[in-house]
Amino acid sequence: MTATLAITVLGLDRPGIIAEVTGQLAELGGNLQDSSMTLLRGHFAWTLLVAVDAGPADVQARLARLTDEGLVVSVLVLPEQSPGGVDGTEWLLSVHGGDRPGIVSGLTAPIAEAGGNITDLTTRLGAGLYILVAEVSLPGDVDVTALTSRIAEVSAQLGVRATLHPAETDVL
């Protein structure tokens, strides 16, 4: 029986990690459905969703060599359910300013309070400048003017600049 597994691979970056993981999964008949990989200050971080007939213990065993090489690998079964989310419009939240604690929580909270969902989030810190870019799905009935005002209020309190604008769907 085919199951969907969530696999994460974390650790110091080096060439070949993606080829090794996907090679092992292919040998098990795994089909890579979705994934997101990035480097975070020299650390490899990858999350994959894979459809495979093998169980999580078999997949974990196949990827054990990576663990022996210092990578952290987790394998979890995802429950069968229809994807959740928000039916509505797509927006882009951009934030930049001086680094300080609370930027992410402060500026994502108004979106959550409005019933919005963050569908992608990237943050970077460089030379004291903090940058956040988030793709946001908002319900169709959200008062965007009020939400934009709330985001402006929070960003002023945090000492950063934030903008919320409609996403160009052909770019997403």
N, C-alpha and C. Protein backbone atom coordinates (compact mmCIF):
# COMPACT_ATOMS: atom_id res chain seq x y z
N MET A 1 0.84 -1.19 0.00
CA MET A 1 0.00 0.00 0.00
C MET A 1 0.88 1.24 0.00
N THR A 2 0.60 2.15 -0.88
CA THR A 2 1.39 3.36 -1.00
C THR A 2 1.02 4.33 0.11
N ALA A 3 2.06 4.86 0.76
CA ALA A 3 1.88 5.86 1.81
C ALA A 3 2.63 7.12 1.40
N THR A 4 2.18 8.24 1.92
CA THR A 4 2.92 9.48 1.72
C THR A 4 3.74 9.72 2.96
N LEU A 5 5.05 9.84 2.77
CA LEU A 5 5.97 10.07 3.87
C LEU A 5 6.54 11.48 3.80
N ALA A 6 6.69 12.09 4.96
CA ALA A 6 7.40 13.36 5.07
C ALA A 6 8.80 13.04 5.55
N ILE A 7 9.78 13.48 4.82
CA ILE A 7 11.18 13.21 5.16
C ILE A 7 11.88 14.54 5.30
N THR A 8 12.66 14.69 6.38
CA THR A 8 13.50 15.87 6.52
C THR A 8 14.95 15.42 6.61
N VAL A 9 15.81 16.21 6.02
CA VAL A 9 17.25 15.97 6.06
C VAL A 9 17.90 17.29 6.44
N LEU A 10 18.66 17.29 7.53
CA LEU A 10 19.30 18.50 8.04
C LEU A 10 20.76 18.22 8.38
N GLY A 11 21.63 19.19 8.16
CA GLY A 11 23.02 19.04 8.57
C GLY A 11 23.94 19.92 7.75
N LEU A 12 25.24 19.79 8.02
CA LEU A 12 26.22 20.56 7.26
C LEU A 12 26.13 20.20 5.78
N ASP A 13 26.15 21.21 4.94
CA ASP A 13 26.04 20.98 3.50
C ASP A 13 27.30 20.34 2.95
N ARG A 14 27.10 19.56 1.91
CA ARG A 14 28.18 18.97 1.13
C ARG A 14 27.60 18.53 -0.20
N PRO A 15 28.39 18.41 -1.24
CA PRO A 15 27.87 17.94 -2.53
C PRO A 15 27.31 16.51 -2.43
N GLY A 16 26.23 16.26 -3.14
CA GLY A 16 25.72 14.90 -3.29
C GLY A 16 24.57 14.49 -2.40
N ILE A 17 24.16 15.32 -1.46
CA ILE A 17 23.09 14.91 -0.54
C ILE A 17 21.80 14.62 -1.30
N ILE A 18 21.41 15.52 -2.18
CA ILE A 18 20.16 15.34 -2.92
C ILE A 18 20.22 14.08 -3.78
N ALA A 19 21.32 13.87 -4.47
CA ALA A 19 21.47 12.68 -5.32
C ALA A 19 21.39 11.40 -4.48
N GLU A 20 22.01 11.39 -3.31
CA GLU A 20 21.97 10.20 -2.46
C GLU A 20 20.57 9.90 -1.96
N VAL A 21 19.90 10.92 -1.45
CA VAL A 21 18.55 10.72 -0.90
C VAL A 21 17.60 10.26 -2.00
N THR A 22 17.57 10.98 -3.11
CA THR A 22 16.62 10.62 -4.17
C THR A 22 16.98 9.29 -4.81
N GLY A 23 18.25 8.94 -4.86
CA GLY A 23 18.65 7.64 -5.38
C GLY A 23 18.13 6.50 -4.52
N GLN A 24 18.27 6.66 -3.20
CA GLN A 24 17.76 5.63 -2.28
C GLN A 24 16.24 5.52 -2.38
N LEU A 25 15.57 6.65 -2.46
CA LEU A 25 14.11 6.64 -2.57
C LEU A 25 13.66 6.01 -3.89
N ALA A 26 14.36 6.30 -4.98
CA ALA A 26 14.02 5.71 -6.28
C ALA A 26 14.18 4.20 -6.25
N GLU A 27 15.21 3.71 -5.58
CA GLU A 27 15.40 2.26 -5.47
C GLU A 27 14.26 1.59 -4.72
N LEU A 28 13.60 2.34 -3.85
CA LEU A 28 12.43 1.82 -3.12
C LEU A 28 11.13 2.06 -3.90
N GLY A 29 11.22 2.66 -5.08
CA GLY A 29 10.04 2.97 -5.87
C GLY A 29 9.36 4.24 -5.44
N GLY A 30 10.06 5.07 -4.68
CA GLY A 30 9.47 6.30 -4.18
C GLY A 30 9.32 7.36 -5.26
N ASN A 31 8.21 8.06 -5.22
CA ASN A 31 7.93 9.13 -6.15
C ASN A 31 7.92 10.46 -5.38
N LEU A 32 8.87 11.31 -5.69
CA LEU A 32 8.98 12.62 -5.05
C LEU A 32 7.82 13.49 -5.50
N GLN A 33 6.97 13.91 -4.54
CA GLN A 33 5.79 14.70 -4.88
C GLN A 33 6.04 16.19 -4.70
N ASP A 34 6.53 16.59 -3.54
CA ASP A 34 6.82 17.98 -3.26
C ASP A 34 8.09 18.03 -2.43
N SER A 35 8.85 19.10 -2.60
CA SER A 35 10.02 19.27 -1.73
C SER A 35 10.42 20.74 -1.70
N SER A 36 11.15 21.07 -0.65
CA SER A 36 11.70 22.41 -0.52
C SER A 36 13.05 22.27 0.17
N MET A 37 14.09 22.81 -0.46
CA MET A 37 15.44 22.71 0.08
C MET A 37 16.05 24.10 0.08
N THR A 38 16.85 24.36 1.11
CA THR A 38 17.59 25.61 1.17
C THR A 38 18.86 25.40 1.97
N LEU A 39 19.77 26.33 1.84
CA LEU A 39 20.94 26.36 2.70
C LEU A 39 20.74 27.47 3.71
N LEU A 40 20.92 27.14 4.96
CA LEU A 40 20.79 28.10 6.04
C LEU A 40 22.15 28.22 6.73
N ARG A 41 22.88 29.27 6.36
CA ARG A 41 24.22 29.51 6.91
C ARG A 41 25.12 28.28 6.84
N GLY A 42 25.15 27.66 5.68
CA GLY A 42 26.01 26.51 5.45
C GLY A 42 25.41 25.18 5.87
N HIS A 43 24.18 25.21 6.35
CA HIS A 43 23.49 23.98 6.74
C HIS A 43 22.43 23.65 5.70
N PHE A 44 22.41 22.40 5.30
CA PHE A 44 21.46 21.87 4.34
C PHE A 44 20.15 21.60 5.07
N ALA A 45 19.02 22.05 4.52
CA ALA A 45 17.71 21.81 5.12
C ALA A 45 16.73 21.45 4.01
N TRP A 46 16.20 20.22 4.07
CA TRP A 46 15.34 19.73 2.99
C TRP A 46 14.15 19.00 3.58
N THR A 47 12.98 19.33 3.09
CA THR A 47 11.76 18.61 3.44
C THR A 47 11.16 18.06 2.16
N LEU A 48 10.81 16.77 2.18
CA LEU A 48 10.26 16.11 1.00
C LEU A 48 8.97 15.40 1.35
N LEU A 49 8.05 15.35 0.41
CA LEU A 49 6.88 14.49 0.51
C LEU A 49 7.04 13.45 -0.59
N VAL A 50 7.00 12.17 -0.19
CA VAL A 50 7.29 11.08 -1.10
C VAL A 50 6.19 10.04 -1.02
N ALA A 51 5.69 9.59 -2.17
CA ALA A 51 4.76 8.46 -2.21
C ALA A 51 5.60 7.20 -2.43
N VAL A 52 5.44 6.23 -1.53
CA VAL A 52 6.29 5.04 -1.61
C VAL A 52 5.55 3.85 -0.98
N ASP A 53 5.80 2.66 -1.51
CA ASP A 53 5.19 1.45 -0.96
C ASP A 53 5.93 0.97 0.30
N ALA A 54 7.16 1.38 0.48
CA ALA A 54 7.94 0.97 1.66
C ALA A 54 7.45 1.73 2.89
N GLY A 55 7.61 1.11 4.05
CA GLY A 55 7.22 1.74 5.29
C GLY A 55 8.28 2.71 5.78
N PRO A 56 7.93 3.52 6.77
CA PRO A 56 8.88 4.52 7.27
C PRO A 56 10.15 3.90 7.84
N ALA A 57 10.05 2.74 8.48
CA ALA A 57 11.26 2.09 9.03
C ALA A 57 12.20 1.66 7.91
N ASP A 58 11.63 1.15 6.79
CA ASP A 58 12.46 0.75 5.65
C ASP A 58 13.16 1.97 5.03
N VAL A 59 12.43 3.05 4.90
CA VAL A 59 13.01 4.28 4.34
C VAL A 59 14.10 4.81 5.27
N GLN A 60 13.81 4.83 6.56
CA GLN A 60 14.80 5.31 7.55
C GLN A 60 16.06 4.45 7.48
N ALA A 61 15.90 3.15 7.35
CA ALA A 61 17.06 2.25 7.26
C ALA A 61 17.87 2.54 6.00
N ARG A 62 17.18 2.80 4.89
CA ARG A 62 17.88 3.12 3.63
C ARG A 62 18.68 4.40 3.73
N LEU A 63 18.20 5.33 4.55
CA LEU A 63 18.86 6.63 4.68
C LEU A 63 19.80 6.69 5.88
N ALA A 64 19.99 5.56 6.56
CA ALA A 64 20.81 5.51 7.78
C ALA A 64 22.25 5.96 7.53
N ARG A 65 22.79 5.67 6.36
CA ARG A 65 24.17 6.06 6.07
C ARG A 65 24.33 7.58 6.17
N LEU A 66 23.30 8.31 5.80
CA LEU A 66 23.37 9.77 5.92
C LEU A 66 23.48 10.19 7.38
N THR A 67 22.76 9.48 8.24
CA THR A 67 22.84 9.76 9.68
C THR A 67 24.25 9.47 10.18
N ASP A 68 24.84 8.39 9.69
CA ASP A 68 26.22 8.05 10.07
C ASP A 68 27.20 9.14 9.65
N GLU A 69 26.83 9.90 8.61
CA GLU A 69 27.69 10.98 8.11
C GLU A 69 27.39 12.32 8.78
N GLY A 70 26.54 12.33 9.82
CA GLY A 70 26.29 13.54 10.57
C GLY A 70 25.02 14.29 10.21
N LEU A 71 24.25 13.78 9.27
CA LEU A 71 22.99 14.43 8.93
C LEU A 71 21.89 13.90 9.83
N VAL A 72 20.90 14.71 10.10
CA VAL A 72 19.73 14.30 10.87
C VAL A 72 18.61 14.02 9.88
N VAL A 73 18.10 12.79 9.91
CA VAL A 73 17.06 12.37 8.97
C VAL A 73 15.84 11.91 9.77
N SER A 74 14.67 12.43 9.42
CA SER A 74 13.44 11.95 10.04
C SER A 74 12.47 11.52 8.96
N VAL A 75 11.70 10.49 9.27
CA VAL A 75 10.72 9.96 8.33
C VAL A 75 9.41 9.78 9.08
N LEU A 76 8.36 10.42 8.60
CA LEU A 76 7.04 10.36 9.25
C LEU A 76 5.98 10.03 8.23
N VAL A 77 4.98 9.25 8.63
CA VAL A 77 3.84 8.97 7.77
C VAL A 77 2.87 10.14 7.87
N LEU A 78 2.44 10.64 6.72
CA LEU A 78 1.43 11.70 6.71
C LEU A 78 0.05 11.05 6.64
N PRO A 79 -0.87 11.51 7.44
CA PRO A 79 -2.22 10.95 7.38
C PRO A 79 -2.89 11.28 6.06
N GLU A 80 -3.72 10.37 5.60
CA GLU A 80 -4.48 10.60 4.37
C GLU A 80 -5.59 11.60 4.66
N GLN A 81 -5.54 12.72 4.02
CA GLN A 81 -6.59 13.73 4.16
C GLN A 81 -6.47 14.70 3.01
N SER A 82 -7.53 15.39 2.74
CA SER A 82 -7.48 16.37 1.67
C SER A 82 -6.70 17.58 2.17
N PRO A 83 -5.97 18.22 1.27
CA PRO A 83 -5.19 19.39 1.68
C PRO A 83 -6.10 20.47 2.24
N GLY A 84 -5.67 21.06 3.34
CA GLY A 84 -6.41 22.17 3.93
C GLY A 84 -5.97 23.46 3.30
N GLY A 85 -6.20 24.52 3.98
CA GLY A 85 -5.74 25.80 3.47
C GLY A 85 -6.88 26.78 3.40
N VAL A 86 -6.60 27.85 2.72
CA VAL A 86 -7.55 28.95 2.61
C VAL A 86 -7.88 29.13 1.14
N ASP A 87 -9.18 29.13 0.83
CA ASP A 87 -9.60 29.47 -0.53
C ASP A 87 -9.75 30.98 -0.57
N GLY A 88 -8.99 31.60 -1.41
CA GLY A 88 -9.07 33.05 -1.46
C GLY A 88 -8.09 33.62 -2.45
N THR A 89 -7.43 34.69 -2.05
CA THR A 89 -6.52 35.41 -2.92
C THR A 89 -5.10 35.30 -2.40
N GLU A 90 -4.15 35.40 -3.31
CA GLU A 90 -2.73 35.26 -2.97
C GLU A 90 -2.09 36.64 -2.85
N TRP A 91 -1.29 36.77 -1.78
CA TRP A 91 -0.63 38.03 -1.46
C TRP A 91 0.82 37.77 -1.14
N LEU A 92 1.61 38.84 -1.14
CA LEU A 92 3.02 38.76 -0.79
C LEU A 92 3.30 39.77 0.33
N LEU A 93 3.84 39.27 1.44
CA LEU A 93 4.25 40.11 2.55
C LEU A 93 5.77 40.24 2.49
N SER A 94 6.25 41.48 2.43
CA SER A 94 7.70 41.75 2.41
C SER A 94 8.04 42.61 3.61
N VAL A 95 9.08 42.22 4.32
CA VAL A 95 9.50 42.95 5.51
C VAL A 95 11.01 43.11 5.46
N HIS A 96 11.48 44.30 5.82
CA HIS A 96 12.92 44.48 5.99
C HIS A 96 13.18 45.58 7.02
N GLY A 97 14.29 45.41 7.71
CA GLY A 97 14.66 46.39 8.72
C GLY A 97 15.71 45.81 9.64
N GLY A 98 16.01 46.55 10.69
CA GLY A 98 17.00 46.10 11.66
C GLY A 98 16.53 44.82 12.36
N ASP A 99 17.49 43.96 12.63
CA ASP A 99 17.15 42.68 13.28
C ASP A 99 16.77 42.89 14.73
N ARG A 100 15.79 42.12 15.18
CA ARG A 100 15.37 42.08 16.58
C ARG A 100 14.42 40.93 16.76
N PRO A 101 14.29 40.42 17.98
CA PRO A 101 13.34 39.33 18.23
C PRO A 101 11.89 39.80 18.01
N GLY A 102 11.05 38.90 17.53
CA GLY A 102 9.63 39.16 17.42
C GLY A 102 9.12 39.62 16.07
N ILE A 103 10.00 39.78 15.08
CA ILE A 103 9.55 40.26 13.78
C ILE A 103 8.60 39.25 13.12
N VAL A 104 9.00 38.00 13.06
CA VAL A 104 8.17 36.99 12.38
C VAL A 104 6.84 36.82 13.10
N SER A 105 6.87 36.63 14.40
CA SER A 105 5.61 36.42 15.12
C SER A 105 4.73 37.66 15.07
N GLY A 106 5.35 38.82 15.18
CA GLY A 106 4.58 40.06 15.18
C GLY A 106 3.86 40.33 13.87
N LEU A 107 4.51 40.01 12.75
CA LEU A 107 3.91 40.32 11.46
C LEU A 107 3.11 39.18 10.85
N THR A 108 3.27 37.97 11.34
CA THR A 108 2.42 36.88 10.86
C THR A 108 1.15 36.76 11.69
N ALA A 109 1.15 37.27 12.91
CA ALA A 109 -0.04 37.19 13.77
C ALA A 109 -1.25 37.90 13.17
N PRO A 110 -1.13 39.12 12.65
CA PRO A 110 -2.32 39.76 12.07
C PRO A 110 -2.89 38.97 10.89
N ILE A 111 -2.01 38.32 10.14
CA ILE A 111 -2.47 37.51 9.01
C ILE A 111 -3.28 36.32 9.52
N ALA A 112 -2.76 35.66 10.55
CA ALA A 112 -3.48 34.52 11.14
C ALA A 112 -4.80 34.97 11.75
N GLU A 113 -4.79 36.11 12.43
CA GLU A 113 -6.02 36.63 13.03
C GLU A 113 -7.08 36.94 11.99
N ALA A 114 -6.66 37.29 10.78
CA ALA A 114 -7.60 37.57 9.69
C ALA A 114 -8.03 36.30 8.97
N GLY A 115 -7.54 35.15 9.42
CA GLY A 115 -7.89 33.88 8.79
C GLY A 115 -6.99 33.51 7.64
N GLY A 116 -5.89 34.27 7.47
CA GLY A 116 -4.94 34.01 6.40
C GLY A 116 -3.99 32.88 6.74
N ASN A 117 -3.38 32.34 5.71
CA ASN A 117 -2.44 31.23 5.86
C ASN A 117 -1.13 31.57 5.16
N ILE A 118 -0.01 31.39 5.86
CA ILE A 118 1.31 31.58 5.26
C ILE A 118 1.60 30.30 4.48
N THR A 119 1.81 30.41 3.18
CA THR A 119 2.06 29.22 2.36
C THR A 119 3.54 29.04 2.01
N ASP A 120 4.32 30.09 2.18
CA ASP A 120 5.76 29.99 1.98
C ASP A 120 6.40 31.13 2.75
N LEU A 121 7.52 30.85 3.39
CA LEU A 121 8.18 31.86 4.22
C LEU A 121 9.69 31.72 4.08
N THR A 122 10.34 32.84 3.81
CA THR A 122 11.80 32.88 3.74
C THR A 122 12.26 34.06 4.57
N THR A 123 13.27 33.84 5.40
CA THR A 123 13.89 34.93 6.15
C THR A 123 15.39 34.86 5.94
N ARG A 124 16.02 36.01 5.99
CA ARG A 124 17.48 36.10 5.86
C ARG A 124 17.96 37.23 6.76
N LEU A 125 19.13 37.02 7.34
CA LEU A 125 19.80 38.05 8.13
C LEU A 125 21.18 38.26 7.53
N GLY A 126 21.46 39.51 7.20
CA GLY A 126 22.77 39.82 6.66
C GLY A 126 23.16 41.23 7.02
N ALA A 127 24.34 41.41 7.58
CA ALA A 127 24.87 42.73 7.93
C ALA A 127 23.86 43.55 8.74
N GLY A 128 23.17 42.91 9.66
CA GLY A 128 22.23 43.61 10.53
C GLY A 128 20.87 43.87 9.91
N LEU A 129 20.67 43.56 8.64
CA LEU A 129 19.40 43.77 7.97
C LEU A 129 18.62 42.45 7.95
N TYR A 130 17.40 42.50 8.46
CA TYR A 130 16.54 41.32 8.49
C TYR A 130 15.54 41.43 7.35
N ILE A 131 15.39 40.35 6.58
CA ILE A 131 14.47 40.33 5.45
C ILE A 131 13.54 39.14 5.60
N LEU A 132 12.26 39.37 5.41
CA LEU A 132 11.24 38.33 5.45
C LEU A 132 10.39 38.48 4.19
N VAL A 133 10.17 37.36 3.51
CA VAL A 133 9.26 37.34 2.37
C VAL A 133 8.33 36.16 2.58
N ALA A 134 7.02 36.43 2.57
CA ALA A 134 6.04 35.37 2.79
C ALA A 134 4.96 35.42 1.73
N GLU A 135 4.62 34.24 1.21
CA GLU A 135 3.45 34.11 0.36
C GLU A 135 2.27 33.84 1.29
N VAL A 136 1.18 34.54 1.07
CA VAL A 136 0.04 34.52 1.97
C VAL A 136 -1.23 34.25 1.18
N SER A 137 -2.06 33.37 1.71
CA SER A 137 -3.38 33.14 1.13
C SER A 137 -4.41 33.73 2.09
N LEU A 138 -5.19 34.68 1.59
CA LEU A 138 -6.20 35.35 2.41
C LEU A 138 -7.60 34.96 1.95
N PRO A 139 -8.51 34.75 2.90
CA PRO A 139 -9.90 34.49 2.51
C PRO A 139 -10.44 35.66 1.70
N GLY A 140 -11.35 35.36 0.79
CA GLY A 140 -11.89 36.39 -0.09
C GLY A 140 -12.60 37.52 0.62
N ASP A 141 -13.09 37.26 1.83
CA ASP A 141 -13.86 38.30 2.53
C ASP A 141 -13.02 39.14 3.50
N VAL A 142 -11.71 39.00 3.48
CA VAL A 142 -10.86 39.77 4.38
C VAL A 142 -10.87 41.24 4.00
N ASP A 143 -10.93 42.09 4.99
CA ASP A 143 -10.82 43.53 4.79
C ASP A 143 -9.32 43.84 4.66
N VAL A 144 -8.83 43.87 3.43
CA VAL A 144 -7.40 44.04 3.18
C VAL A 144 -6.92 45.40 3.65
N THR A 145 -7.74 46.42 3.56
CA THR A 145 -7.35 47.75 4.03
C THR A 145 -7.09 47.72 5.53
N ALA A 146 -7.98 47.08 6.29
CA ALA A 146 -7.79 46.99 7.74
C ALA A 146 -6.57 46.13 8.07
N LEU A 147 -6.37 45.04 7.33
CA LEU A 147 -5.21 44.19 7.57
C LEU A 147 -3.92 44.94 7.27
N THR A 148 -3.89 45.68 6.19
CA THR A 148 -2.71 46.47 5.82
C THR A 148 -2.41 47.50 6.90
N SER A 149 -3.44 48.12 7.44
CA SER A 149 -3.25 49.09 8.53
C SER A 149 -2.67 48.42 9.76
N ARG A 150 -3.18 47.25 10.09
CA ARG A 150 -2.67 46.51 11.27
C ARG A 150 -1.21 46.12 11.06
N ILE A 151 -0.86 45.67 9.85
CA ILE A 151 0.53 45.31 9.55
C ILE A 151 1.42 46.55 9.66
N ALA A 152 0.95 47.70 9.19
CA ALA A 152 1.73 48.96 9.29
C ALA A 152 1.94 49.33 10.75
N GLU A 153 0.91 49.17 11.56
CA GLU A 153 1.01 49.48 13.00
C GLU A 153 2.04 48.58 13.68
N VAL A 154 1.98 47.29 13.41
CA VAL A 154 2.93 46.35 14.03
C VAL A 154 4.34 46.60 13.53
N SER A 155 4.49 46.84 12.23
CA SER A 155 5.84 47.07 11.69
C SER A 155 6.46 48.34 12.29
N ALA A 156 5.65 49.37 12.52
CA ALA A 156 6.16 50.59 13.16
C ALA A 156 6.63 50.30 14.58
N GLN A 157 5.87 49.48 15.31
CA GLN A 157 6.27 49.11 16.67
C GLN A 157 7.58 48.31 16.67
N LEU A 158 7.79 47.51 15.63
CA LEU A 158 9.00 46.68 15.53
C LEU A 158 10.17 47.42 14.88
N GLY A 159 9.91 48.58 14.32
CA GLY A 159 10.98 49.35 13.68
C GLY A 159 11.41 48.78 12.35
N VAL A 160 10.49 48.15 11.62
CA VAL A 160 10.78 47.59 10.30
C VAL A 160 9.79 48.14 9.29
N ARG A 161 10.05 47.91 8.03
CA ARG A 161 9.13 48.31 6.97
C ARG A 161 8.47 47.05 6.41
N ALA A 162 7.15 47.06 6.30
CA ALA A 162 6.42 45.91 5.80
C ALA A 162 5.41 46.35 4.74
N THR A 163 5.28 45.54 3.70
CA THR A 163 4.28 45.79 2.68
C THR A 163 3.53 44.50 2.39
N LEU A 164 2.24 44.65 2.10
CA LEU A 164 1.40 43.54 1.68
C LEU A 164 0.80 43.94 0.35
N HIS A 165 1.06 43.12 -0.67
CA HIS A 165 0.50 43.45 -1.98
C HIS A 165 0.09 42.17 -2.70
N PRO A 166 -0.84 42.29 -3.65
CA PRO A 166 -1.29 41.09 -4.36
C PRO A 166 -0.13 40.41 -5.06
N ALA A 167 -0.13 39.09 -5.02
CA ALA A 167 0.92 38.32 -5.68
C ALA A 167 0.56 38.18 -7.15
N GLU A 168 1.58 38.21 -7.97
CA GLU A 168 1.39 37.93 -9.39
C GLU A 168 1.39 36.41 -9.53
N THR A 169 0.24 35.83 -9.80
CA THR A 169 0.10 34.38 -9.77
C THR A 169 0.99 33.67 -10.79
N ASP A 170 1.35 34.33 -11.88
CA ASP A 170 2.23 33.68 -12.84
C ASP A 170 3.66 33.60 -12.31
N VAL A 171 4.00 34.38 -11.28
CA VAL A 171 5.32 34.33 -10.67
C VAL A 171 5.38 33.23 -9.62
N LEU A 172 4.25 32.97 -8.94
CA LEU A 172 4.20 31.93 -7.91
C LEU A 172 4.17 30.59 -8.58
